[in-house]
Amino acid sequence: MTTSDMVRQLCEKENISLAELCRRIGQSPQNFNKKLKRGTVSFDEMMAIAEALNVGYEQAFLLPGGERLSAGKEV
């Protein structure tokens, strides 16, 4: 699943338009749509999305022994 797919699915599940999400994170829909198409949404932007929608987001590496190295915030 691409970042674009994840963001769009999240908006659908949270019953919010992509334009409203953009307003909440302080970006124009045009600019953010370009980032989604290019796949250049940053970690900080993903964290802003999570905060705006009051959901958790994490980015993680799973090591062979089961150890998890992650960045993110759980709600």
PDB file of N, CA and C in Angstrom:
ATOM      1  N   MET A   1       0.846  -1.171   0.000  1.00  0.00           N
ATOM      2  CA  MET A   1       0.000   0.000   0.000  1.00  0.00           C
ATOM      3  C   MET A   1       0.897   1.241   0.000  1.00  0.00           C
ATOM      4  N   THR A   2       0.610   2.167  -0.877  1.00  0.00           N
ATOM      5  CA  THR A   2       1.411   3.384  -0.954  1.00  0.00           C
ATOM      6  C   THR A   2       0.989   4.373   0.131  1.00  0.00           C
ATOM      7  N   THR A   3       1.818   5.367   0.352  1.00  0.00           N
ATOM      8  CA  THR A   3       1.479   6.426   1.302  1.00  0.00           C
ATOM      9  C   THR A   3       0.188   7.110   0.885  1.00  0.00           C
ATOM     10  N   SER A   4       0.054   7.359  -0.401  1.00  0.00           N
ATOM     11  CA  SER A   4      -1.166   7.982  -0.919  1.00  0.00           C
ATOM     12  C   SER A   4      -2.391   7.139  -0.586  1.00  0.00           C
ATOM     13  N   ASP A   5      -2.286   5.827  -0.807  1.00  0.00           N
ATOM     14  CA  ASP A   5      -3.392   4.918  -0.486  1.00  0.00           C
ATOM     15  C   ASP A   5      -3.727   4.976   1.008  1.00  0.00           C
ATOM     16  N   MET A   6      -2.686   4.989   1.842  1.00  0.00           N
ATOM     17  CA  MET A   6      -2.901   5.014   3.286  1.00  0.00           C
ATOM     18  C   MET A   6      -3.616   6.290   3.721  1.00  0.00           C
ATOM     19  N   VAL A   7      -3.162   7.428   3.202  1.00  0.00           N
ATOM     20  CA  VAL A   7      -3.761   8.709   3.592  1.00  0.00           C
ATOM     21  C   VAL A   7      -5.211   8.775   3.127  1.00  0.00           C
ATOM     22  N   ARG A   8      -5.463   8.349   1.904  1.00  0.00           N
ATOM     23  CA  ARG A   8      -6.826   8.390   1.372  1.00  0.00           C
ATOM     24  C   ARG A   8      -7.752   7.437   2.148  1.00  0.00           C
ATOM     25  N   GLN A   9      -7.235   6.253   2.479  1.00  0.00           N
ATOM     26  CA  GLN A   9      -8.036   5.297   3.244  1.00  0.00           C
ATOM     27  C   GLN A   9      -8.308   5.826   4.652  1.00  0.00           C
ATOM     28  N   LEU A  10      -7.319   6.458   5.250  1.00  0.00           N
ATOM     29  CA  LEU A  10      -7.499   7.046   6.571  1.00  0.00           C
ATOM     30  C   LEU A  10      -8.581   8.123   6.530  1.00  0.00           C
ATOM     31  N   CYS A  11      -8.533   8.971   5.517  1.00  0.00           N
ATOM     32  CA  CYS A  11      -9.560  10.015   5.382  1.00  0.00           C
ATOM     33  C   CYS A  11     -10.945   9.391   5.261  1.00  0.00           C
ATOM     34  N   GLU A  12     -11.029   8.331   4.482  1.00  0.00           N
ATOM     35  CA  GLU A  12     -12.316   7.664   4.303  1.00  0.00           C
ATOM     36  C   GLU A  12     -12.811   7.090   5.632  1.00  0.00           C
ATOM     37  N   LYS A  13     -11.934   6.416   6.360  1.00  0.00           N
ATOM     38  CA  LYS A  13     -12.324   5.804   7.629  1.00  0.00           C
ATOM     39  C   LYS A  13     -12.692   6.849   8.686  1.00  0.00           C
ATOM     40  N   GLU A  14     -12.038   8.001   8.620  1.00  0.00           N
ATOM     41  CA  GLU A  14     -12.297   9.063   9.590  1.00  0.00           C
ATOM     42  C   GLU A  14     -13.383  10.029   9.099  1.00  0.00           C
ATOM     43  N   ASN A  15     -13.952   9.715   7.937  1.00  0.00           N
ATOM     44  CA  ASN A  15     -15.043  10.506   7.367  1.00  0.00           C
ATOM     45  C   ASN A  15     -14.666  11.981   7.211  1.00  0.00           C
ATOM     46  N   ILE A  16     -13.524  12.210   6.576  1.00  0.00           N
ATOM     47  CA  ILE A  16     -13.014  13.560   6.362  1.00  0.00           C
ATOM     48  C   ILE A  16     -12.511  13.650   4.921  1.00  0.00           C
ATOM     49  N   SER A  17     -12.712  14.791   4.303  1.00  0.00           N
ATOM     50  CA  SER A  17     -12.212  14.956   2.936  1.00  0.00           C
ATOM     51  C   SER A  17     -10.715  15.223   2.968  1.00  0.00           C
ATOM     52  N   LEU A  18     -10.059  14.946   1.866  1.00  0.00           N
ATOM     53  CA  LEU A  18      -8.631  15.223   1.762  1.00  0.00           C
ATOM     54  C   LEU A  18      -8.389  16.725   1.886  1.00  0.00           C
ATOM     55  N   ALA A  19      -9.289  17.537   1.329  1.00  0.00           N
ATOM     56  CA  ALA A  19      -9.161  18.998   1.432  1.00  0.00           C
ATOM     57  C   ALA A  19      -9.229  19.451   2.891  1.00  0.00           C
ATOM     58  N   GLU A  20     -10.119  18.850   3.682  1.00  0.00           N
ATOM     59  CA  GLU A  20     -10.214  19.202   5.101  1.00  0.00           C
ATOM     60  C   GLU A  20      -8.961  18.778   5.842  1.00  0.00           C
ATOM     61  N   LEU A  21      -8.438  17.611   5.523  1.00  0.00           N
ATOM     62  CA  LEU A  21      -7.191  17.169   6.142  1.00  0.00           C
ATOM     63  C   LEU A  21      -6.086  18.173   5.840  1.00  0.00           C
ATOM     64  N   CYS A  22      -5.981  18.604   4.594  1.00  0.00           N
ATOM     65  CA  CYS A  22      -4.962  19.579   4.208  1.00  0.00           C
ATOM     66  C   CYS A  22      -5.103  20.865   5.009  1.00  0.00           C
ATOM     67  N   ARG A  23      -6.333  21.328   5.181  1.00  0.00           N
ATOM     68  CA  ARG A  23      -6.569  22.533   5.971  1.00  0.00           C
ATOM     69  C   ARG A  23      -6.068  22.342   7.401  1.00  0.00           C
ATOM     70  N   ARG A  24      -6.345  21.175   7.976  1.00  0.00           N
ATOM     71  CA  ARG A  24      -5.941  20.911   9.364  1.00  0.00           C
ATOM     72  C   ARG A  24      -4.437  20.835   9.541  1.00  0.00           C
ATOM     73  N   ILE A  25      -3.715  20.419   8.510  1.00  0.00           N
ATOM     74  CA  ILE A  25      -2.253  20.317   8.641  1.00  0.00           C
ATOM     75  C   ILE A  25      -1.545  21.518   8.023  1.00  0.00           C
ATOM     76  N   GLY A  26      -2.338  22.507   7.582  1.00  0.00           N
ATOM     77  CA  GLY A  26      -1.757  23.758   7.104  1.00  0.00           C
ATOM     78  C   GLY A  26      -1.134  23.692   5.718  1.00  0.00           C
ATOM     79  N   GLN A  27      -1.676  22.844   4.850  1.00  0.00           N
ATOM     80  CA  GLN A  27      -1.162  22.746   3.488  1.00  0.00           C
ATOM     81  C   GLN A  27      -2.286  22.942   2.494  1.00  0.00           C
ATOM     82  N   SER A  28      -1.927  23.403   1.311  1.00  0.00           N
ATOM     83  CA  SER A  28      -2.946  23.536   0.272  1.00  0.00           C
ATOM     84  C   SER A  28      -3.205  22.157  -0.325  1.00  0.00           C
ATOM     85  N   PRO A  29      -4.452  21.897  -0.716  1.00  0.00           N
ATOM     86  CA  PRO A  29      -4.759  20.612  -1.350  1.00  0.00           C
ATOM     87  C   PRO A  29      -3.904  20.362  -2.603  1.00  0.00           C
ATOM     88  N   GLN A  30      -3.649  21.408  -3.375  1.00  0.00           N
ATOM     89  CA  GLN A  30      -2.851  21.249  -4.590  1.00  0.00           C
ATOM     90  C   GLN A  30      -1.443  20.762  -4.262  1.00  0.00           C
ATOM     91  N   ASN A  31      -0.804  21.418  -3.297  1.00  0.00           N
ATOM     92  CA  ASN A  31       0.557  21.044  -2.916  1.00  0.00           C
ATOM     93  C   ASN A  31       0.599  19.635  -2.334  1.00  0.00           C
ATOM     94  N   PHE A  32      -0.346  19.336  -1.446  1.00  0.00           N
ATOM     95  CA  PHE A  32      -0.327  18.026  -0.799  1.00  0.00           C
ATOM     96  C   PHE A  32      -0.637  16.911  -1.793  1.00  0.00           C
ATOM     97  N   ASN A  33      -1.549  17.154  -2.732  1.00  0.00           N
ATOM     98  CA  ASN A  33      -1.839  16.151  -3.768  1.00  0.00           C
ATOM     99  C   ASN A  33      -0.601  15.846  -4.604  1.00  0.00           C
ATOM    100  N   LYS A  34       0.198  16.862  -4.888  1.00  0.00           N
ATOM    101  CA  LYS A  34       1.444  16.645  -5.636  1.00  0.00           C
ATOM    102  C   LYS A  34       2.391  15.750  -4.829  1.00  0.00           C
ATOM    103  N   LYS A  35       2.478  16.002  -3.533  1.00  0.00           N
ATOM    104  CA  LYS A  35       3.325  15.174  -2.675  1.00  0.00           C
ATOM    105  C   LYS A  35       2.826  13.731  -2.647  1.00  0.00           C
ATOM    106  N   LEU A  36       1.503  13.547  -2.578  1.00  0.00           N
ATOM    107  CA  LEU A  36       0.950  12.195  -2.587  1.00  0.00           C
ATOM    108  C   LEU A  36       1.278  11.483  -3.901  1.00  0.00           C
ATOM    109  N   LYS A  37       1.142  12.175  -5.018  1.00  0.00           N
ATOM    110  CA  LYS A  37       1.422  11.578  -6.326  1.00  0.00           C
ATOM    111  C   LYS A  37       2.887  11.209  -6.472  1.00  0.00           C
ATOM    112  N   ARG A  38       3.780  12.067  -5.941  1.00  0.00           N
ATOM    113  CA  ARG A  38       5.224  11.808  -6.039  1.00  0.00           C
ATOM    114  C   ARG A  38       5.712  10.854  -4.956  1.00  0.00           C
ATOM    115  N   GLY A  39       4.897  10.648  -3.942  1.00  0.00           N
ATOM    116  CA  GLY A  39       5.327   9.805  -2.827  1.00  0.00           C
ATOM    117  C   GLY A  39       6.365  10.484  -1.956  1.00  0.00           C
ATOM    118  N   THR A  40       6.247  11.799  -1.810  1.00  0.00           N
ATOM    119  CA  THR A  40       7.242  12.553  -1.050  1.00  0.00           C
ATOM    120  C   THR A  40       6.689  13.150   0.245  1.00  0.00           C
ATOM    121  N   VAL A  41       5.675  12.527   0.813  1.00  0.00           N
ATOM    122  CA  VAL A  41       5.141  12.982   2.098  1.00  0.00           C
ATOM    123  C   VAL A  41       6.168  12.619   3.169  1.00  0.00           C
ATOM    124  N   SER A  42       6.582  13.599   3.955  1.00  0.00           N
ATOM    125  CA  SER A  42       7.631  13.372   4.955  1.00  0.00           C
ATOM    126  C   SER A  42       7.082  12.718   6.220  1.00  0.00           C
ATOM    127  N   PHE A  43       8.004  12.204   7.022  1.00  0.00           N
ATOM    128  CA  PHE A  43       7.632  11.637   8.319  1.00  0.00           C
ATOM    129  C   PHE A  43       6.932  12.690   9.177  1.00  0.00           C
ATOM    130  N   ASP A  44       7.467  13.908   9.182  1.00  0.00           N
ATOM    131  CA  ASP A  44       6.859  14.977   9.979  1.00  0.00           C
ATOM    132  C   ASP A  44       5.436  15.277   9.509  1.00  0.00           C
ATOM    133  N   GLU A  45       5.198  15.219   8.202  1.00  0.00           N
ATOM    134  CA  GLU A  45       3.845  15.434   7.679  1.00  0.00           C
ATOM    135  C   GLU A  45       2.917  14.288   8.085  1.00  0.00           C
ATOM    136  N   MET A  46       3.429  13.068   8.071  1.00  0.00           N
ATOM    137  CA  MET A  46       2.613  11.936   8.513  1.00  0.00           C
ATOM    138  C   MET A  46       2.271  12.075   9.994  1.00  0.00           C
ATOM    139  N   MET A  47       3.211  12.565  10.787  1.00  0.00           N
ATOM    140  CA  MET A  47       2.946  12.794  12.202  1.00  0.00           C
ATOM    141  C   MET A  47       1.904  13.902  12.381  1.00  0.00           C
ATOM    142  N   ALA A  48       1.961  14.933  11.542  1.00  0.00           N
ATOM    143  CA  ALA A  48       0.975  16.014  11.609  1.00  0.00           C
ATOM    144  C   ALA A  48      -0.413  15.489  11.263  1.00  0.00           C
ATOM    145  N   ILE A  49      -0.488  14.596  10.284  1.00  0.00           N
ATOM    146  CA  ILE A  49      -1.763  13.975   9.913  1.00  0.00           C
ATOM    147  C   ILE A  49      -2.307  13.177  11.097  1.00  0.00           C
ATOM    148  N   ALA A  50      -1.446  12.374  11.713  1.00  0.00           N
ATOM    149  CA  ALA A  50      -1.868  11.568  12.859  1.00  0.00           C
ATOM    150  C   ALA A  50      -2.380  12.459  13.986  1.00  0.00           C
ATOM    151  N   GLU A  51      -1.665  13.536  14.248  1.00  0.00           N
ATOM    152  CA  GLU A  51      -2.079  14.442  15.316  1.00  0.00           C
ATOM    153  C   GLU A  51      -3.406  15.119  14.972  1.00  0.00           C
ATOM    154  N   ALA A  52      -3.560  15.550  13.723  1.00  0.00           N
ATOM    155  CA  ALA A  52      -4.786  16.230  13.303  1.00  0.00           C
ATOM    156  C   ALA A  52      -6.011  15.329  13.413  1.00  0.00           C
ATOM    157  N   LEU A  53      -5.808  14.021  13.226  1.00  0.00           N
ATOM    158  CA  LEU A  53      -6.921  13.078  13.255  1.00  0.00           C
ATOM    159  C   LEU A  53      -6.975  12.263  14.551  1.00  0.00           C
ATOM    160  N   ASN A  54      -6.055  12.582  15.481  1.00  0.00           N
ATOM    161  CA  ASN A  54      -6.008  11.898  16.774  1.00  0.00           C
ATOM    162  C   ASN A  54      -5.882  10.376  16.619  1.00  0.00           C
ATOM    163  N   VAL A  55      -4.933   9.983  15.769  1.00  0.00           N
ATOM    164  CA  VAL A  55      -4.614   8.567  15.579  1.00  0.00           C
ATOM    165  C   VAL A  55      -3.115   8.389  15.774  1.00  0.00           C
ATOM    166  N   GLY A  56      -2.682   7.163  15.949  1.00  0.00           N
ATOM    167  CA  GLY A  56      -1.269   6.886  16.078  1.00  0.00           C
ATOM    168  C   GLY A  56      -0.624   6.692  14.714  1.00  0.00           C
ATOM    169  N   TYR A  57       0.681   6.903  14.661  1.00  0.00           N
ATOM    170  CA  TYR A  57       1.456   6.633  13.450  1.00  0.00           C
ATOM    171  C   TYR A  57       2.833   6.195  13.888  1.00  0.00           C
ATOM    172  N   GLU A  58       3.357   5.179  13.224  1.00  0.00           N
ATOM    173  CA  GLU A  58       4.720   4.766  13.515  1.00  0.00           C
ATOM    174  C   GLU A  58       5.402   4.303  12.253  1.00  0.00           C
ATOM    175  N   GLN A  59       6.707   4.423  12.285  1.00  0.00           N
ATOM    176  CA  GLN A  59       7.573   3.948  11.218  1.00  0.00           C
ATOM    177  C   GLN A  59       8.571   3.050  11.937  1.00  0.00           C
ATOM    178  N   ALA A  60       8.756   1.820  11.473  1.00  0.00           N
ATOM    179  CA  ALA A  60       9.554   0.891  12.274  1.00  0.00           C
ATOM    180  C   ALA A  60      10.401  -0.052  11.431  1.00  0.00           C
ATOM    181  N   PHE A  61      11.481  -0.505  12.029  1.00  0.00           N
ATOM    182  CA  PHE A  61      12.284  -1.607  11.519  1.00  0.00           C
ATOM    183  C   PHE A  61      12.053  -2.784  12.451  1.00  0.00           C
ATOM    184  N   LEU A  62      11.850  -3.964  11.896  1.00  0.00           N
ATOM    185  CA  LEU A  62      11.700  -5.173  12.695  1.00  0.00           C
ATOM    186  C   LEU A  62      12.950  -6.013  12.504  1.00  0.00           C
ATOM    187  N   LEU A  63      13.696  -6.219  13.581  1.00  0.00           N
ATOM    188  CA  LEU A  63      14.952  -6.970  13.524  1.00  0.00           C
ATOM    189  C   LEU A  63      14.673  -8.465  13.619  1.00  0.00           C
ATOM    190  N   PRO A  64      15.603  -9.295  13.117  1.00  0.00           N
ATOM    191  CA  PRO A  64      15.383 -10.745  13.112  1.00  0.00           C
ATOM    192  C   PRO A  64      15.035 -11.332  14.477  1.00  0.00           C
ATOM    193  N   GLY A  65      15.575 -10.798  15.550  1.00  0.00           N
ATOM    194  CA  GLY A  65      15.291 -11.325  16.880  1.00  0.00           C
ATOM    195  C   GLY A  65      13.962 -10.850  17.445  1.00  0.00           C
ATOM    196  N   GLY A  66      13.214 -10.085  16.670  1.00  0.00           N
ATOM    197  CA  GLY A  66      11.927  -9.600  17.134  1.00  0.00           C
ATOM    198  C   GLY A  66      11.966  -8.198  17.700  1.00  0.00           C
ATOM    199  N   GLU A  67      13.174  -7.639  17.838  1.00  0.00           N
ATOM    200  CA  GLU A  67      13.276  -6.268  18.360  1.00  0.00           C
ATOM    201  C   GLU A  67      12.682  -5.294  17.331  1.00  0.00           C
ATOM    202  N   ARG A  68      12.037  -4.275  17.834  1.00  0.00           N
ATOM    203  CA  ARG A  68      11.383  -3.281  16.990  1.00  0.00           C
ATOM    204  C   ARG A  68      12.012  -1.916  17.265  1.00  0.00           C
ATOM    205  N   LEU A  69      12.502  -1.280  16.205  1.00  0.00           N
ATOM    206  CA  LEU A  69      13.021   0.067  16.290  1.00  0.00           C
ATOM    207  C   LEU A  69      12.013   0.967  15.591  1.00  0.00           C
ATOM    208  N   SER A  70      11.404   1.870  16.345  1.00  0.00           N
ATOM    209  CA  SER A  70      10.350   2.657  15.716  1.00  0.00           C
ATOM    210  C   SER A  70      10.447   4.133  16.080  1.00  0.00           C
ATOM    211  N   ALA A  71       9.877   4.912  15.190  1.00  0.00           N
ATOM    212  CA  ALA A  71       9.695   6.342  15.416  1.00  0.00           C
ATOM    213  C   ALA A  71       8.209   6.565  15.269  1.00  0.00           C
ATOM    214  N   GLY A  72       7.665   7.398  16.077  1.00  0.00           N
ATOM    215  CA  GLY A  72       6.231   7.648  15.965  1.00  0.00           C
ATOM    216  C   GLY A  72       5.617   7.917  17.300  1.00  0.00           C
ATOM    217  N   LYS A  73       4.316   8.035  17.260  1.00  0.00           N
ATOM    218  CA  LYS A  73       3.578   8.375  18.469  1.00  0.00           C
ATOM    219  C   LYS A  73       2.320   7.521  18.494  1.00  0.00           C
ATOM    220  N   GLU A  74       2.104   6.880  19.599  1.00  0.00           N
ATOM    221  CA  GLU A  74       0.865   6.105  19.759  1.00  0.00           C
ATOM    222  C   GLU A  74      -0.138   6.949  20.516  1.00  0.00           C
ATOM    223  N   VAL A  75      -1.386   6.718  20.208  1.00  0.00           N
ATOM    224  CA  VAL A  75      -2.463   7.435  20.900  1.00  0.00           C
ATOM    225  C   VAL A  75      -3.053   6.521  21.940  1.00  0.00           C
TER     226      VAL A  75
END
